[in-house]
Amino acid sequence: MKTSLNLKFKGERDYLQGPDILNETMLWLEQNHVPQKISKIDFSFHRMARNGLALHVEKKDSLGEPVAECSYLSGTEARHVYLYESGNPITERYPYDESLICKDFNINVAEKSGSLKTDLPFTDIEIWVSLTKALHQKTLPEIKGKWLFVRGRFPFYERSSRGTEKHLHIAANFQNRLTRTVLTSNADFSGEIFFSTI
């Protein structure tokens, strides 16, 4: 079984952004696992995508390495999906002003942490990823290259949690090549994001 995801380029990017891929995947999972709750989400990216993506419920070795994959629980049952490039070109894009997300982001350089109290018209994963990137650029300026969102682990998926204070802390740095950032909302654990440099 496979399903094409509804994806567009964001802003001036010529590749599909990780948060959009994750959001569209989670939308499909929630629609196809009703009434089971989706939990223990582990979403990892293997490479960038510049063409449309199709979601498969089984690994397809004939299609090569997947762009991304997601393991999760549907109720108590462990499941897995894989995302492969479909070969269909992306023909649409939409505006995205990432600076709006980070405008009121307060960063503590010494503690490699930051917090945001402002409600914003973006999804949670868009906010988390943008704040994590800003935190890395501010607290690890000596690391050259482009920071990329490569993995996210979340106890549950929430598309938009308005009215919460978001806090981030870079908890681990693996030889300046991979980092793990812990996320909390109103002091409750929300997950962790891994970034890598290229």
N, C-alpha and C. Protein backbone atom coordinates (compact mmCIF):
# COMPACT_ATOMS: atom_id res chain seq x y z
N MET A 1 0.83 -1.19 0.00
CA MET A 1 0.00 0.00 0.00
C MET A 1 0.87 1.25 0.00
N LYS A 2 0.51 2.21 -0.86
CA LYS A 2 1.24 3.47 -0.86
C LYS A 2 0.27 4.63 -1.05
N THR A 3 0.67 5.78 -0.53
CA THR A 3 -0.14 6.99 -0.62
C THR A 3 0.76 8.17 -0.94
N SER A 4 0.39 8.97 -1.92
CA SER A 4 1.15 10.18 -2.23
C SER A 4 0.83 11.26 -1.21
N LEU A 5 1.86 11.93 -0.72
CA LEU A 5 1.67 13.00 0.25
C LEU A 5 1.50 14.33 -0.47
N ASN A 6 0.71 15.20 0.13
CA ASN A 6 0.45 16.52 -0.43
C ASN A 6 1.51 17.50 0.08
N LEU A 7 2.54 17.72 -0.72
CA LEU A 7 3.68 18.52 -0.29
C LEU A 7 4.00 19.61 -1.30
N LYS A 8 4.49 20.74 -0.79
CA LYS A 8 4.89 21.88 -1.62
C LYS A 8 6.25 22.38 -1.12
N PHE A 9 6.95 23.12 -1.99
CA PHE A 9 8.16 23.79 -1.55
C PHE A 9 7.77 24.95 -0.63
N LYS A 10 8.62 25.22 0.34
CA LYS A 10 8.34 26.24 1.34
C LYS A 10 9.27 27.43 1.12
N GLY A 11 8.69 28.64 0.98
CA GLY A 11 9.52 29.82 0.76
C GLY A 11 10.33 29.69 -0.52
N GLU A 12 11.64 29.95 -0.41
CA GLU A 12 12.53 29.87 -1.57
C GLU A 12 13.30 28.55 -1.64
N ARG A 13 12.94 27.60 -0.79
CA ARG A 13 13.66 26.32 -0.77
C ARG A 13 13.43 25.53 -2.06
N ASP A 14 14.44 24.75 -2.44
CA ASP A 14 14.29 23.86 -3.60
C ASP A 14 14.26 22.40 -3.15
N TYR A 15 13.96 22.19 -1.86
CA TYR A 15 13.82 20.85 -1.31
C TYR A 15 12.63 20.87 -0.36
N LEU A 16 12.10 19.70 -0.05
CA LEU A 16 10.98 19.59 0.87
C LEU A 16 11.47 19.71 2.30
N GLN A 17 10.79 20.53 3.10
CA GLN A 17 11.24 20.75 4.47
C GLN A 17 10.75 19.63 5.39
N GLY A 18 11.63 19.22 6.30
CA GLY A 18 11.32 18.13 7.22
C GLY A 18 10.02 18.29 7.98
N PRO A 19 9.74 19.46 8.58
CA PRO A 19 8.47 19.60 9.30
C PRO A 19 7.24 19.36 8.45
N ASP A 20 7.27 19.78 7.18
CA ASP A 20 6.12 19.52 6.30
C ASP A 20 5.95 18.03 6.05
N ILE A 21 7.07 17.34 5.85
CA ILE A 21 7.01 15.89 5.62
C ILE A 21 6.45 15.19 6.86
N LEU A 22 6.93 15.58 8.03
CA LEU A 22 6.45 14.97 9.27
C LEU A 22 4.97 15.26 9.48
N ASN A 23 4.55 16.52 9.28
CA ASN A 23 3.14 16.86 9.47
C ASN A 23 2.22 16.07 8.55
N GLU A 24 2.59 15.95 7.29
CA GLU A 24 1.74 15.22 6.34
C GLU A 24 1.71 13.73 6.66
N THR A 25 2.84 13.19 7.10
CA THR A 25 2.87 11.78 7.50
C THR A 25 1.97 11.54 8.71
N MET A 26 2.06 12.41 9.69
CA MET A 26 1.24 12.25 10.89
C MET A 26 -0.24 12.41 10.58
N LEU A 27 -0.58 13.29 9.66
CA LEU A 27 -1.98 13.44 9.25
C LEU A 27 -2.50 12.13 8.69
N TRP A 28 -1.70 11.48 7.84
CA TRP A 28 -2.10 10.19 7.27
C TRP A 28 -2.23 9.13 8.36
N LEU A 29 -1.28 9.09 9.27
CA LEU A 29 -1.32 8.09 10.34
C LEU A 29 -2.57 8.27 11.21
N GLU A 30 -2.86 9.50 11.57
CA GLU A 30 -4.03 9.75 12.42
C GLU A 30 -5.33 9.37 11.71
N GLN A 31 -5.40 9.65 10.42
CA GLN A 31 -6.61 9.33 9.67
C GLN A 31 -6.78 7.82 9.45
N ASN A 32 -5.68 7.10 9.44
CA ASN A 32 -5.74 5.67 9.14
C ASN A 32 -5.63 4.77 10.37
N HIS A 33 -5.52 5.36 11.55
CA HIS A 33 -5.45 4.56 12.77
C HIS A 33 -6.52 4.95 13.78
N VAL A 34 -7.55 5.64 13.31
CA VAL A 34 -8.68 5.99 14.19
C VAL A 34 -9.34 4.70 14.66
N PRO A 35 -9.68 4.52 15.95
CA PRO A 35 -9.53 5.49 17.04
C PRO A 35 -8.25 5.28 17.85
N GLN A 36 -7.31 4.51 17.34
CA GLN A 36 -6.09 4.24 18.10
C GLN A 36 -5.22 5.50 18.21
N LYS A 37 -4.67 5.71 19.37
CA LYS A 37 -3.80 6.87 19.58
C LYS A 37 -2.40 6.57 19.09
N ILE A 38 -1.81 7.53 18.40
CA ILE A 38 -0.44 7.39 17.92
C ILE A 38 0.52 7.88 19.00
N SER A 39 1.52 7.08 19.33
CA SER A 39 2.47 7.45 20.38
C SER A 39 3.86 6.90 20.06
N LYS A 40 4.82 7.28 20.89
CA LYS A 40 6.22 6.83 20.75
C LYS A 40 6.71 6.97 19.31
N ILE A 41 6.62 8.17 18.81
CA ILE A 41 6.97 8.46 17.42
C ILE A 41 8.47 8.66 17.29
N ASP A 42 9.07 7.98 16.33
CA ASP A 42 10.50 8.12 16.04
C ASP A 42 10.63 8.33 14.54
N PHE A 43 10.87 9.57 14.14
CA PHE A 43 10.87 9.96 12.73
C PHE A 43 12.29 10.34 12.34
N SER A 44 12.86 9.66 11.35
CA SER A 44 14.24 9.95 10.95
C SER A 44 14.33 10.19 9.44
N PHE A 45 15.23 11.11 9.09
CA PHE A 45 15.47 11.47 7.69
C PHE A 45 16.83 10.92 7.26
N HIS A 46 16.87 10.36 6.06
CA HIS A 46 18.12 9.81 5.53
C HIS A 46 18.74 10.69 4.46
N ARG A 47 17.93 11.47 3.78
CA ARG A 47 18.43 12.37 2.74
C ARG A 47 17.37 13.40 2.40
N MET A 48 17.78 14.40 1.63
CA MET A 48 16.85 15.46 1.24
C MET A 48 16.03 15.00 0.04
N ALA A 49 14.86 15.60 -0.13
CA ALA A 49 13.97 15.24 -1.24
C ALA A 49 13.61 16.49 -2.03
N ARG A 50 13.65 16.36 -3.34
CA ARG A 50 13.29 17.47 -4.22
C ARG A 50 12.13 17.10 -5.16
N ASN A 51 11.62 15.89 -4.99
CA ASN A 51 10.46 15.43 -5.75
C ASN A 51 9.38 14.98 -4.78
N GLY A 52 8.20 14.69 -5.32
CA GLY A 52 7.09 14.26 -4.49
C GLY A 52 7.42 12.99 -3.72
N LEU A 53 6.71 12.77 -2.61
CA LEU A 53 6.96 11.60 -1.77
C LEU A 53 5.72 10.73 -1.70
N ALA A 54 5.97 9.43 -1.63
CA ALA A 54 4.90 8.46 -1.43
C ALA A 54 5.17 7.70 -0.14
N LEU A 55 4.13 7.51 0.64
CA LEU A 55 4.22 6.78 1.90
C LEU A 55 3.91 5.31 1.66
N HIS A 56 4.79 4.43 2.13
CA HIS A 56 4.61 2.98 2.00
C HIS A 56 4.56 2.37 3.39
N VAL A 57 3.71 1.39 3.55
CA VAL A 57 3.62 0.72 4.86
C VAL A 57 4.60 -0.44 4.95
N GLU A 58 5.32 -0.73 3.87
CA GLU A 58 6.37 -1.75 3.88
C GLU A 58 7.62 -1.18 3.22
N LYS A 59 8.77 -1.68 3.65
CA LYS A 59 10.02 -1.25 3.04
C LYS A 59 10.12 -1.81 1.63
N LYS A 60 10.57 -0.97 0.69
CA LYS A 60 10.69 -1.37 -0.71
C LYS A 60 12.15 -1.28 -1.14
N ASP A 61 12.87 -2.38 -1.03
CA ASP A 61 14.29 -2.36 -1.38
C ASP A 61 14.51 -1.98 -2.84
N SER A 62 13.54 -2.28 -3.69
CA SER A 62 13.67 -1.97 -5.11
C SER A 62 13.68 -0.46 -5.37
N LEU A 63 13.23 0.34 -4.40
CA LEU A 63 13.18 1.79 -4.54
C LEU A 63 14.41 2.47 -3.95
N GLY A 64 15.34 1.68 -3.43
CA GLY A 64 16.55 2.24 -2.85
C GLY A 64 16.34 2.71 -1.43
N GLU A 65 17.19 3.62 -0.98
CA GLU A 65 17.09 4.12 0.39
C GLU A 65 15.90 5.06 0.51
N PRO A 66 15.08 4.90 1.53
CA PRO A 66 13.97 5.84 1.71
C PRO A 66 14.47 7.23 2.08
N VAL A 67 13.69 8.24 1.76
CA VAL A 67 14.00 9.60 2.19
C VAL A 67 13.89 9.70 3.70
N ALA A 68 12.84 9.05 4.25
CA ALA A 68 12.59 9.10 5.68
C ALA A 68 11.80 7.87 6.10
N GLU A 69 11.79 7.61 7.39
CA GLU A 69 10.98 6.53 7.92
C GLU A 69 10.49 6.90 9.32
N CYS A 70 9.40 6.26 9.70
CA CYS A 70 8.79 6.59 10.99
C CYS A 70 8.32 5.31 11.67
N SER A 71 8.78 5.10 12.89
CA SER A 71 8.25 4.01 13.71
C SER A 71 7.36 4.65 14.78
N TYR A 72 6.34 3.91 15.22
CA TYR A 72 5.37 4.47 16.16
C TYR A 72 4.52 3.35 16.73
N LEU A 73 3.77 3.69 17.75
CA LEU A 73 2.76 2.78 18.28
C LEU A 73 1.39 3.26 17.86
N SER A 74 0.57 2.34 17.39
CA SER A 74 -0.86 2.60 17.14
C SER A 74 -1.60 1.83 18.22
N GLY A 75 -2.03 2.54 19.26
CA GLY A 75 -2.52 1.85 20.44
C GLY A 75 -1.34 1.18 21.11
N THR A 76 -1.32 -0.16 21.11
CA THR A 76 -0.17 -0.89 21.66
C THR A 76 0.61 -1.64 20.58
N GLU A 77 0.22 -1.46 19.32
CA GLU A 77 0.86 -2.19 18.22
C GLU A 77 1.96 -1.36 17.57
N ALA A 78 3.16 -1.95 17.45
CA ALA A 78 4.28 -1.27 16.81
C ALA A 78 4.09 -1.28 15.30
N ARG A 79 4.28 -0.12 14.69
CA ARG A 79 4.12 0.03 13.24
C ARG A 79 5.31 0.80 12.67
N HIS A 80 5.39 0.80 11.34
CA HIS A 80 6.49 1.46 10.65
C HIS A 80 5.99 1.90 9.27
N VAL A 81 6.39 3.10 8.82
CA VAL A 81 6.11 3.53 7.45
C VAL A 81 7.40 4.11 6.86
N TYR A 82 7.46 4.09 5.52
CA TYR A 82 8.64 4.54 4.80
C TYR A 82 8.22 5.54 3.73
N LEU A 83 9.05 6.54 3.52
CA LEU A 83 8.77 7.57 2.53
C LEU A 83 9.83 7.52 1.43
N TYR A 84 9.35 7.32 0.19
CA TYR A 84 10.23 7.26 -0.98
C TYR A 84 9.85 8.36 -1.96
N GLU A 85 10.84 8.85 -2.70
CA GLU A 85 10.53 9.81 -3.75
C GLU A 85 9.71 9.10 -4.83
N SER A 86 8.64 9.77 -5.26
CA SER A 86 7.73 9.18 -6.25
C SER A 86 8.15 9.48 -7.68
N GLY A 87 9.04 10.45 -7.85
CA GLY A 87 9.42 10.86 -9.20
C GLY A 87 8.56 11.99 -9.73
N ASN A 88 7.46 12.29 -9.05
CA ASN A 88 6.60 13.39 -9.48
C ASN A 88 7.20 14.72 -9.04
N PRO A 89 7.33 15.67 -9.96
CA PRO A 89 7.93 16.96 -9.59
C PRO A 89 7.03 17.77 -8.66
N ILE A 90 7.66 18.57 -7.81
CA ILE A 90 6.91 19.51 -6.97
C ILE A 90 6.69 20.76 -7.81
N THR A 91 5.44 21.15 -7.99
CA THR A 91 5.12 22.28 -8.87
C THR A 91 4.57 23.49 -8.13
N GLU A 92 4.34 23.35 -6.82
CA GLU A 92 3.77 24.46 -6.06
C GLU A 92 4.68 24.82 -4.89
N ARG A 93 4.57 26.06 -4.44
CA ARG A 93 5.28 26.51 -3.25
C ARG A 93 4.39 27.48 -2.50
N TYR A 94 4.73 27.74 -1.23
CA TYR A 94 3.96 28.69 -0.45
C TYR A 94 4.89 29.54 0.39
N PRO A 95 4.47 30.76 0.75
CA PRO A 95 5.36 31.66 1.50
C PRO A 95 5.60 31.17 2.92
N TYR A 96 6.79 31.49 3.43
CA TYR A 96 7.15 31.05 4.78
C TYR A 96 8.18 32.03 5.33
N ASP A 97 7.79 32.79 6.34
CA ASP A 97 8.70 33.76 6.96
C ASP A 97 9.18 33.19 8.30
N GLU A 98 10.30 32.49 8.26
CA GLU A 98 10.83 31.82 9.44
C GLU A 98 11.26 32.82 10.52
N SER A 99 11.58 34.03 10.11
CA SER A 99 12.03 35.03 11.09
C SER A 99 10.94 35.36 12.11
N LEU A 100 9.68 35.19 11.75
CA LEU A 100 8.58 35.45 12.68
C LEU A 100 8.62 34.50 13.88
N ILE A 101 9.10 33.28 13.63
CA ILE A 101 9.15 32.28 14.70
C ILE A 101 10.21 32.64 15.74
N CYS A 102 11.34 33.14 15.28
CA CYS A 102 12.47 33.37 16.17
C CYS A 102 12.54 34.78 16.74
N LYS A 103 11.61 35.65 16.34
CA LYS A 103 11.67 37.07 16.73
C LYS A 103 11.70 37.26 18.25
N ASP A 104 10.89 36.50 18.98
CA ASP A 104 10.80 36.64 20.43
C ASP A 104 11.45 35.48 21.19
N PHE A 105 12.33 34.76 20.52
CA PHE A 105 13.01 33.61 21.12
C PHE A 105 14.14 34.10 22.00
N ASN A 106 14.08 33.78 23.29
CA ASN A 106 15.11 34.20 24.25
C ASN A 106 16.13 33.08 24.44
N ILE A 107 17.39 33.39 24.15
CA ILE A 107 18.45 32.38 24.19
C ILE A 107 19.43 32.66 25.32
N ASN A 108 19.79 31.62 26.05
CA ASN A 108 20.85 31.69 27.05
C ASN A 108 22.05 30.94 26.47
N VAL A 109 23.02 31.70 25.99
CA VAL A 109 24.16 31.10 25.29
C VAL A 109 24.95 30.18 26.21
N ALA A 110 25.19 30.61 27.44
CA ALA A 110 26.00 29.81 28.38
C ALA A 110 25.37 28.46 28.66
N GLU A 111 24.05 28.42 28.78
CA GLU A 111 23.36 27.17 29.09
C GLU A 111 22.91 26.41 27.85
N LYS A 112 23.16 27.00 26.67
CA LYS A 112 22.72 26.40 25.40
C LYS A 112 21.23 26.04 25.45
N SER A 113 20.45 27.02 25.87
CA SER A 113 19.01 26.82 26.01
C SER A 113 18.27 28.06 25.54
N GLY A 114 16.96 27.91 25.36
CA GLY A 114 16.16 29.04 24.94
C GLY A 114 14.71 28.79 25.25
N SER A 115 13.91 29.86 25.26
CA SER A 115 12.48 29.73 25.55
C SER A 115 11.68 30.70 24.70
N LEU A 116 10.45 30.31 24.44
CA LEU A 116 9.52 31.12 23.65
C LEU A 116 8.15 31.06 24.30
N LYS A 117 7.58 32.24 24.58
CA LYS A 117 6.27 32.32 25.21
C LYS A 117 5.19 32.77 24.24
N THR A 118 5.59 33.22 23.07
CA THR A 118 4.65 33.80 22.11
C THR A 118 3.86 32.73 21.36
N ASP A 119 2.54 32.94 21.22
CA ASP A 119 1.72 32.08 20.36
C ASP A 119 1.94 32.47 18.91
N LEU A 120 2.11 31.48 18.05
CA LEU A 120 2.41 31.75 16.65
C LEU A 120 1.52 30.91 15.74
N PRO A 121 1.24 31.41 14.54
CA PRO A 121 0.38 30.68 13.59
C PRO A 121 1.15 29.64 12.77
N PHE A 122 1.94 28.81 13.47
CA PHE A 122 2.71 27.76 12.81
C PHE A 122 2.45 26.46 13.56
N THR A 123 2.77 25.34 12.94
CA THR A 123 2.63 24.07 13.63
C THR A 123 3.76 23.90 14.64
N ASP A 124 3.54 23.02 15.61
CA ASP A 124 4.56 22.81 16.64
C ASP A 124 5.90 22.40 16.06
N ILE A 125 5.88 21.46 15.11
CA ILE A 125 7.16 20.97 14.59
C ILE A 125 7.88 22.05 13.79
N GLU A 126 7.15 22.92 13.11
CA GLU A 126 7.79 24.05 12.44
C GLU A 126 8.49 24.94 13.46
N ILE A 127 7.80 25.20 14.57
CA ILE A 127 8.37 26.05 15.62
C ILE A 127 9.59 25.39 16.25
N TRP A 128 9.44 24.11 16.63
CA TRP A 128 10.56 23.41 17.28
C TRP A 128 11.80 23.41 16.40
N VAL A 129 11.62 23.10 15.12
CA VAL A 129 12.79 22.99 14.22
C VAL A 129 13.43 24.36 13.99
N SER A 130 12.62 25.39 13.79
CA SER A 130 13.18 26.73 13.58
C SER A 130 13.92 27.22 14.82
N LEU A 131 13.34 27.00 16.00
CA LEU A 131 14.00 27.42 17.23
C LEU A 131 15.29 26.64 17.47
N THR A 132 15.26 25.35 17.17
CA THR A 132 16.47 24.53 17.34
C THR A 132 17.58 25.02 16.44
N LYS A 133 17.24 25.34 15.19
CA LYS A 133 18.26 25.86 14.27
C LYS A 133 18.83 27.18 14.78
N ALA A 134 17.95 28.08 15.24
CA ALA A 134 18.41 29.37 15.77
C ALA A 134 19.29 29.18 17.00
N LEU A 135 18.92 28.23 17.85
CA LEU A 135 19.71 27.95 19.05
C LEU A 135 21.10 27.46 18.69
N HIS A 136 21.19 26.60 17.69
CA HIS A 136 22.49 26.10 17.25
C HIS A 136 23.35 27.22 16.66
N GLN A 137 22.74 28.03 15.82
CA GLN A 137 23.50 29.10 15.18
C GLN A 137 24.04 30.10 16.19
N LYS A 138 23.30 30.32 17.27
CA LYS A 138 23.70 31.30 18.27
C LYS A 138 24.71 30.73 19.27
N THR A 139 24.53 29.48 19.68
CA THR A 139 25.37 28.93 20.74
C THR A 139 26.55 28.12 20.22
N LEU A 140 26.53 27.74 18.95
CA LEU A 140 27.64 26.97 18.37
C LEU A 140 28.13 27.64 17.08
N PRO A 141 28.49 28.92 17.16
CA PRO A 141 28.86 29.66 15.94
C PRO A 141 30.15 29.16 15.30
N GLU A 142 30.96 28.45 16.06
CA GLU A 142 32.23 27.98 15.52
C GLU A 142 32.06 26.80 14.56
N ILE A 143 30.88 26.17 14.58
CA ILE A 143 30.64 25.03 13.71
C ILE A 143 30.17 25.52 12.35
N LYS A 144 30.95 25.23 11.33
CA LYS A 144 30.61 25.68 9.98
C LYS A 144 29.72 24.64 9.30
N GLY A 145 28.99 25.08 8.32
CA GLY A 145 28.12 24.18 7.59
C GLY A 145 26.65 24.49 7.85
N LYS A 146 25.79 23.69 7.26
CA LYS A 146 24.35 23.88 7.35
C LYS A 146 23.77 22.89 8.35
N TRP A 147 22.99 23.40 9.31
CA TRP A 147 22.33 22.52 10.28
C TRP A 147 21.04 21.97 9.68
N LEU A 148 20.85 20.66 9.81
CA LEU A 148 19.65 20.01 9.28
C LEU A 148 18.96 19.18 10.35
N PHE A 149 17.65 19.19 10.32
CA PHE A 149 16.80 18.36 11.17
C PHE A 149 16.84 16.93 10.62
N VAL A 150 17.40 15.99 11.40
CA VAL A 150 17.57 14.63 10.89
C VAL A 150 16.75 13.58 11.65
N ARG A 151 16.27 13.94 12.84
CA ARG A 151 15.49 12.96 13.59
C ARG A 151 14.66 13.65 14.67
N GLY A 152 13.47 13.14 14.90
CA GLY A 152 12.64 13.64 15.98
C GLY A 152 11.99 12.48 16.71
N ARG A 153 12.03 12.54 18.03
CA ARG A 153 11.38 11.50 18.85
C ARG A 153 10.39 12.20 19.78
N PHE A 154 9.14 11.78 19.73
CA PHE A 154 8.08 12.45 20.47
C PHE A 154 7.16 11.43 21.13
N PRO A 155 6.78 11.68 22.40
CA PRO A 155 5.85 10.74 23.06
C PRO A 155 4.50 10.73 22.38
N PHE A 156 4.06 11.90 21.90
CA PHE A 156 2.81 12.03 21.16
C PHE A 156 2.99 13.12 20.11
N TYR A 157 2.08 13.18 19.16
CA TYR A 157 2.12 14.23 18.15
C TYR A 157 1.03 15.25 18.46
N GLU A 158 1.42 16.51 18.48
CA GLU A 158 0.45 17.58 18.64
C GLU A 158 0.74 18.60 17.55
N ARG A 159 -0.24 18.85 16.71
CA ARG A 159 -0.02 19.74 15.57
C ARG A 159 0.20 21.18 16.03
N SER A 160 -0.59 21.64 16.99
CA SER A 160 -0.46 23.01 17.45
C SER A 160 -0.86 23.12 18.91
N SER A 161 0.10 23.42 19.77
CA SER A 161 -0.18 23.56 21.21
C SER A 161 -0.08 25.02 21.60
N ARG A 162 -1.12 25.76 21.32
CA ARG A 162 -1.15 27.19 21.65
C ARG A 162 -1.20 27.37 23.16
N GLY A 163 -0.71 28.52 23.60
CA GLY A 163 -0.77 28.86 25.02
C GLY A 163 0.24 28.15 25.89
N THR A 164 1.32 27.64 25.29
CA THR A 164 2.34 26.96 26.07
C THR A 164 3.68 27.68 25.91
N GLU A 165 4.48 27.63 26.97
CA GLU A 165 5.84 28.14 26.88
C GLU A 165 6.76 27.01 26.43
N LYS A 166 7.43 27.23 25.33
CA LYS A 166 8.32 26.22 24.77
C LYS A 166 9.75 26.49 25.23
N HIS A 167 10.41 25.43 25.69
CA HIS A 167 11.79 25.53 26.16
C HIS A 167 12.64 24.47 25.46
N LEU A 168 13.84 24.85 25.05
CA LEU A 168 14.77 23.95 24.36
C LEU A 168 16.12 23.98 25.05
N HIS A 169 16.79 22.83 25.05
CA HIS A 169 18.13 22.75 25.65
C HIS A 169 18.95 21.74 24.85
N ILE A 170 20.10 22.18 24.35
CA ILE A 170 21.00 21.25 23.66
C ILE A 170 21.64 20.37 24.72
N ALA A 171 21.17 19.13 24.80
CA ALA A 171 21.58 18.22 25.88
C ALA A 171 22.83 17.42 25.54
N ALA A 172 23.13 17.25 24.26
CA ALA A 172 24.30 16.46 23.87
C ALA A 172 24.84 16.95 22.54
N ASN A 173 26.16 16.92 22.42
CA ASN A 173 26.83 17.31 21.19
C ASN A 173 27.86 16.23 20.88
N PHE A 174 27.64 15.52 19.78
CA PHE A 174 28.50 14.40 19.41
C PHE A 174 29.52 14.87 18.38
N GLN A 175 30.67 15.33 18.87
CA GLN A 175 31.82 15.73 18.05
C GLN A 175 31.45 16.78 17.01
N ASN A 176 30.54 17.67 17.37
CA ASN A 176 30.12 18.76 16.49
C ASN A 176 29.53 18.29 15.16
N ARG A 177 29.08 17.06 15.12
CA ARG A 177 28.47 16.51 13.90
C ARG A 177 26.99 16.20 14.09
N LEU A 178 26.62 15.90 15.31
CA LEU A 178 25.23 15.53 15.62
C LEU A 178 24.90 16.04 17.02
N THR A 179 23.72 16.60 17.18
CA THR A 179 23.31 17.10 18.49
C THR A 179 21.93 16.55 18.85
N ARG A 180 21.66 16.55 20.15
CA ARG A 180 20.34 16.16 20.65
C ARG A 180 19.80 17.31 21.51
N THR A 181 18.64 17.81 21.14
CA THR A 181 18.01 18.92 21.85
C THR A 181 16.73 18.45 22.51
N VAL A 182 16.60 18.69 23.80
CA VAL A 182 15.42 18.28 24.57
C VAL A 182 14.38 19.41 24.53
N LEU A 183 13.12 19.03 24.32
CA LEU A 183 12.02 19.97 24.18
C LEU A 183 11.03 19.81 25.33
N THR A 184 10.59 20.93 25.89
CA THR A 184 9.54 20.88 26.91
C THR A 184 8.51 21.97 26.62
N SER A 185 7.25 21.68 26.95
CA SER A 185 6.15 22.65 26.86
C SER A 185 5.55 22.80 28.24
N ASN A 186 5.57 24.01 28.78
CA ASN A 186 5.10 24.25 30.15
C ASN A 186 5.74 23.26 31.12
N ALA A 187 7.03 23.02 30.94
CA ALA A 187 7.85 22.13 31.78
C ALA A 187 7.57 20.65 31.59
N ASP A 188 6.65 20.28 30.69
CA ASP A 188 6.38 18.87 30.39
C ASP A 188 7.22 18.43 29.20
N PHE A 189 7.79 17.23 29.30
CA PHE A 189 8.62 16.71 28.22
C PHE A 189 7.80 16.56 26.94
N SER A 190 8.31 17.15 25.84
CA SER A 190 7.62 17.10 24.56
C SER A 190 8.34 16.29 23.51
N GLY A 191 9.60 15.95 23.77
CA GLY A 191 10.35 15.16 22.81
C GLY A 191 11.78 15.62 22.69
N GLU A 192 12.45 15.15 21.64
CA GLU A 192 13.83 15.56 21.39
C GLU A 192 14.07 15.57 19.89
N ILE A 193 14.90 16.51 19.49
CA ILE A 193 15.23 16.71 18.09
C ILE A 193 16.73 16.53 17.90
N PHE A 194 17.10 15.84 16.83
CA PHE A 194 18.52 15.66 16.48
C PHE A 194 18.82 16.50 15.24
N PHE A 195 19.93 17.23 15.30
CA PHE A 195 20.39 18.03 14.18
C PHE A 195 21.77 17.51 13.76
N SER A 196 22.04 17.65 12.48
CA SER A 196 23.35 17.27 11.95
C SER A 196 23.84 18.36 11.01
N THR A 197 25.13 18.41 10.76
CA THR A 197 25.70 19.40 9.86
C THR A 197 26.15 18.74 8.56
N ILE A 198 26.03 19.53 7.49
CA ILE A 198 26.54 19.08 6.19
C ILE A 198 27.44 20.17 5.62
